[in-house]
Protein backbone atom coordinates (compact mmCIF):
# COMPACT_ATOMS: atom_id res chain seq x y z
CA MET A 1 101.46 96.49 78.15
CA GLY A 2 98.31 95.95 80.36
CA ASN A 3 96.93 93.73 78.36
CA MET A 4 95.90 90.43 80.23
CA GLY A 5 97.87 87.78 77.65
CA ASP A 6 94.70 87.79 75.58
CA ASP A 7 94.32 89.94 72.98
CA ASN A 8 90.50 91.11 73.60
CA VAL A 9 91.00 91.16 77.38
CA TYR A 10 92.30 94.78 79.26
CA LYS A 11 93.34 94.78 82.81
CA VAL A 12 91.55 97.72 84.90
CA SER A 13 94.35 98.99 86.80
CA LYS A 14 93.19 100.98 89.85
CA SER A 15 95.58 105.03 90.65
CA ARG A 16 97.13 105.73 93.43
CA THR A 17 94.23 107.96 94.64
CA VAL A 18 92.05 104.65 94.43
CA ARG A 19 94.56 102.08 96.02
CA CYS A 20 95.27 104.69 99.12
CA VAL A 21 91.44 105.72 99.71
CA THR A 22 90.33 101.83 99.80
CA VAL A 23 92.50 101.45 102.47
CA GLY A 24 92.13 104.53 103.62
CA VAL A 25 88.77 103.60 104.16
CA TRP A 26 89.17 100.14 105.72
CA VAL A 27 91.44 101.39 108.28
CA LEU A 28 89.13 104.15 109.21
CA LEU A 29 86.54 101.99 109.46
CA VAL A 30 88.35 99.21 111.39
CA ALA A 31 89.55 102.29 114.27
CA VAL A 32 85.99 103.29 114.52
CA PHE A 33 84.04 100.30 114.89
CA VAL A 34 86.39 98.07 116.76
CA PRO A 35 86.21 100.40 119.83
CA SER A 36 82.46 100.65 119.34
CA TRP A 37 81.85 97.29 119.22
CA TYR A 38 84.31 96.82 122.32
CA MET A 39 82.43 99.22 124.09
CA VAL A 40 78.76 97.47 123.38
CA PHE A 41 80.12 94.24 124.97
CA VAL A 42 82.31 95.47 127.77
CA GLU A 43 79.46 97.48 129.27
CA PRO A 44 76.38 96.13 130.56
CA PHE A 45 73.77 95.14 127.47
CA ILE A 46 71.25 97.81 126.67
CA LEU A 47 69.29 96.70 123.62
CA VAL A 48 68.24 99.82 122.24
CA PRO A 49 72.58 101.13 121.69
CA PHE A 50 73.13 97.40 120.33
CA VAL A 51 70.49 97.32 117.62
CA ILE A 52 71.93 100.92 116.68
CA MET A 53 75.59 99.86 116.66
CA LEU A 54 74.53 96.43 114.95
CA LEU A 55 72.26 98.49 111.92
CA THR A 56 74.93 100.99 111.93
CA THR A 57 77.40 98.21 111.12
CA LEU A 58 75.77 96.29 108.68
CA SER A 59 74.77 99.02 106.84
CA VAL A 60 77.99 100.46 106.36
CA PHE A 61 79.31 97.28 105.23
CA GLY A 62 76.90 96.41 103.06
CA ILE A 63 77.06 99.37 101.31
CA LEU A 64 81.25 98.90 101.16
CA PHE A 65 80.71 95.26 99.96
CA TYR A 66 78.41 96.04 97.34
CA TYR A 67 80.55 98.73 95.74
CA TYR A 68 83.65 96.35 96.09
CA LEU A 69 81.40 93.53 94.11
CA ILE A 70 80.61 96.07 91.06
CA SER A 71 84.08 97.48 90.75
CA PRO A 72 85.53 96.84 87.48
CA ARG A 73 88.55 94.27 86.96
CA SER A 74 88.57 93.73 83.04
CA ILE A 75 87.28 94.51 79.97
CA GLU A 76 87.01 92.15 77.48
CA LEU A 77 86.45 92.57 73.87
CA ALA A 78 84.11 89.37 73.12
CA ALA A 79 82.61 88.66 69.46
CA ASP A 80 79.75 90.33 69.22
CA ALA A 81 79.82 92.94 72.53
CA LEU A 82 82.40 95.24 74.84
CA VAL A 83 82.10 92.99 78.30
CA LEU A 84 82.85 94.73 81.60
CA ARG A 85 83.85 92.21 83.92
CA ARG A 86 83.14 92.86 87.52
CA VAL A 87 84.06 91.32 90.49
CA TRP A 88 80.84 89.71 90.78
CA GLY A 89 78.80 89.49 87.34
CA THR A 90 79.33 91.59 83.67
CA LYS A 91 78.07 94.46 82.21
CA SER A 92 77.71 93.87 78.40
CA PHE A 93 77.62 96.89 75.60
CA ARG A 94 76.80 95.62 71.94
CA TYR A 95 79.01 96.68 69.22
CA ALA A 96 75.56 97.68 67.57
CA ASP A 97 74.65 99.96 70.02
CA ILE A 98 77.50 101.49 70.60
CA ALA A 99 77.59 105.15 68.83
CA GLU A 100 80.49 106.68 69.58
CA ALA A 101 84.08 105.77 71.61
CA ALA A 102 86.69 108.13 72.51
CA LEU A 103 89.20 108.54 74.41
CA TRP A 104 88.37 110.73 77.78
CA GLN A 105 89.79 114.08 77.76
CA GLY A 106 87.96 115.76 80.95
CA LYS A 107 88.77 116.39 84.01
CA PRO A 108 88.43 114.78 87.54
CA SER A 109 88.19 117.74 89.24
CA HIS A 110 85.34 118.96 86.69
CA MET A 111 83.17 115.96 88.14
CA PHE A 112 79.91 115.80 90.28
CA ARG A 113 79.04 112.61 91.75
CA MET A 114 75.14 112.28 92.03
CA TRP A 115 75.38 109.04 93.08
CA GLY A 116 77.95 106.45 94.01
CA CYS A 117 81.57 105.74 95.45
CA GLY A 118 84.53 107.96 94.63
CA ALA A 119 87.74 106.15 94.54
CA PHE A 120 86.69 103.64 97.12
CA CYS A 121 87.25 100.74 94.86
CA GLY A 122 87.15 102.72 91.98
CA TYR A 123 84.79 105.63 90.71
CA ILE A 124 81.47 103.71 90.24
CA GLY A 125 77.96 105.26 90.11
CA TRP A 126 76.71 108.39 88.40
CA PHE A 127 78.66 111.32 87.63
CA SER A 128 77.78 114.79 85.49
CA GLY A 129 80.28 116.84 84.12
CA GLY A 130 83.79 116.16 82.50
CA GLY A 131 82.14 116.89 79.45
CA LEU A 132 79.71 113.98 79.46
CA GLY A 133 76.68 115.54 80.86
CA SER A 134 75.49 112.41 83.10
CA HIS A 135 77.04 109.27 82.43
CA PHE A 136 77.95 106.10 84.97
CA GLU A 137 81.50 105.36 85.62
CA TYR A 138 83.28 102.11 86.13
CA VAL A 139 86.63 103.81 86.38
CA GLY A 140 89.76 102.79 88.13
CA ASP A 141 92.29 105.46 86.95
CA TYR A 142 91.07 108.80 85.11
CA ALA A 143 94.36 108.43 83.06
CA ASP A 144 93.47 105.07 81.10
CA ALA A 145 89.28 106.58 80.98
CA PHE A 146 87.56 106.38 77.57
CA TYR A 147 84.03 106.69 77.10
CA ILE A 148 81.34 104.91 75.10
CA ARG A 149 78.07 106.77 74.35
CA LEU A 150 75.40 104.34 73.25
CA ARG A 151 72.34 104.94 70.51
CA SER A 152 70.30 104.93 73.30
CA GLY A 153 71.94 108.32 74.61
CA ARG A 154 73.27 106.62 77.70
CA THR A 155 76.61 107.49 77.80
CA TYR A 156 79.27 105.31 79.86
CA LEU A 157 82.78 105.94 81.14
CA LEU A 158 85.10 103.30 81.65
CA SER A 159 88.62 102.71 82.12
CA CYS A 160 91.55 99.95 81.21
CA ASP A 161 95.04 99.88 80.50
CA CYS A 162 95.84 100.34 76.55
CA ALA A 163 92.34 102.45 76.50
CA GLY A 164 93.74 103.97 73.12
CA GLN A 165 94.06 100.47 71.68
CA VAL A 166 90.40 99.66 73.05
CA VAL A 167 89.15 102.60 71.37
CA GLY A 168 90.79 102.19 68.18
CA ARG A 169 89.49 98.88 67.84
CA LEU A 170 86.10 100.10 68.25
CA ASN A 171 86.15 102.47 66.41
CA ASP A 172 87.60 100.81 63.24
CA GLY A 173 85.48 97.72 63.85
CA THR A 174 88.74 95.07 65.09
CA GLY A 175 87.03 95.10 68.18
CA LYS A 176 84.12 93.06 66.73
CA ALA A 177 86.76 90.51 65.90
CA ALA A 178 85.69 86.76 66.98
CA VAL A 179 87.51 85.58 69.99
């Protein structure tokens, strides 16, 4: 079903909105930066516009590359932790630290993004609302979203294929089964 072959690994699928926004942002950036850089090189060289264009380009692409690197790819129910696999690196949530896990029933329109990315490579960052209060999201598709509340009080909204199965395994203890 959305499982990646291993009974403990679940793929994070991206919604149509996420895919369209990601492609749209890249098209927009090419449409803006290619003619801009063309003008920088065609016109007589002036240092100030060149430096401004260079810093702007590096900043924009650096931020987008950062969000790509932390975008979620899969969730694994390992022996001792729920492991969120990102493009670069992982984030682990020990089972002993998870106080609550449930499917998310809120509406994305009730979310307020405090810091982060809304739909470029996913919904990633600090959000508020949606019945969760202040929380961090690694979501590819809100239709597959579930939340975990840690004993520390921090809440994370995650998503993956077969989210109901993941939540069930977290709540009944089978998520803690050895790989």
